[in-house]
């Protein structure tokens, strides 16, 4: 059985990830590549959609 609260939580997380990815997308590519924390966050948030 599908738990509505669990599905809602998943969608809330995805909304957060999309928001974070939009912020990271505004950064110049060179700046993102030099910052391992931001680069790692980008990879982590992106993997949530696979």
Protein backbone atom coordinates (compact mmCIF):
# COMPACT_ATOMS: atom_id res chain seq x y z
CA UNK A 1 0.00 0.00 0.00
CA UNK A 2 1.23 3.48 -0.85
CA UNK A 3 1.68 5.81 2.09
CA UNK A 4 0.60 9.34 1.10
CA UNK A 5 2.82 10.95 3.77
CA UNK A 6 5.87 9.16 2.38
CA UNK A 7 5.06 10.25 -1.18
CA UNK A 8 4.55 13.84 0.00
CA UNK A 9 7.95 13.73 1.69
CA UNK A 10 9.59 12.51 -1.51
CA UNK A 11 8.03 15.36 -3.49
CA UNK A 12 9.12 17.91 -0.86
CA UNK A 13 12.68 16.60 -1.14
CA UNK A 14 12.57 16.82 -4.92
CA UNK A 15 11.34 20.42 -4.71
CA UNK A 16 14.28 21.21 -2.44
CA UNK A 17 16.73 19.51 -4.81
CA UNK A 18 15.38 21.39 -7.83
CA UNK A 19 15.69 24.67 -5.93
CA UNK A 20 19.30 23.90 -4.98
CA UNK A 21 20.17 22.87 -8.54
CA UNK A 22 18.72 26.11 -9.90
CA UNK A 23 20.93 28.09 -7.53
CA UNK A 24 24.00 26.05 -8.47
CA UNK A 25 23.20 26.44 -12.19
CA UNK A 26 23.64 30.21 -11.84
CA UNK A 27 27.29 29.81 -10.92
CA UNK A 28 29.96 30.15 -13.58
CA UNK A 29 31.15 26.71 -14.67
CA UNK A 30 34.74 27.40 -13.58
CA UNK A 31 33.63 28.43 -10.09
CA UNK A 32 31.53 25.29 -9.73
CA UNK A 33 34.38 23.06 -10.92
CA UNK A 34 36.79 24.57 -8.37
CA UNK A 35 34.46 24.18 -5.39
CA UNK A 36 34.33 20.48 -4.52
CA UNK A 37 31.49 20.93 -2.03
CA UNK A 38 29.25 22.64 -4.58
CA UNK A 39 30.28 20.17 -7.27
CA UNK A 40 29.47 17.26 -4.97
CA UNK A 41 26.12 18.80 -4.07
CA UNK A 42 25.30 19.17 -7.76
CA UNK A 43 26.07 15.51 -8.36
CA UNK A 44 24.11 14.40 -5.29
CA UNK A 45 21.01 16.42 -6.16
CA UNK A 46 21.18 15.32 -9.79
CA UNK A 47 21.36 11.64 -8.82
CA UNK A 48 18.04 12.00 -7.01
CA UNK A 49 16.33 12.14 -10.41
CA UNK A 50 17.78 8.93 -11.84
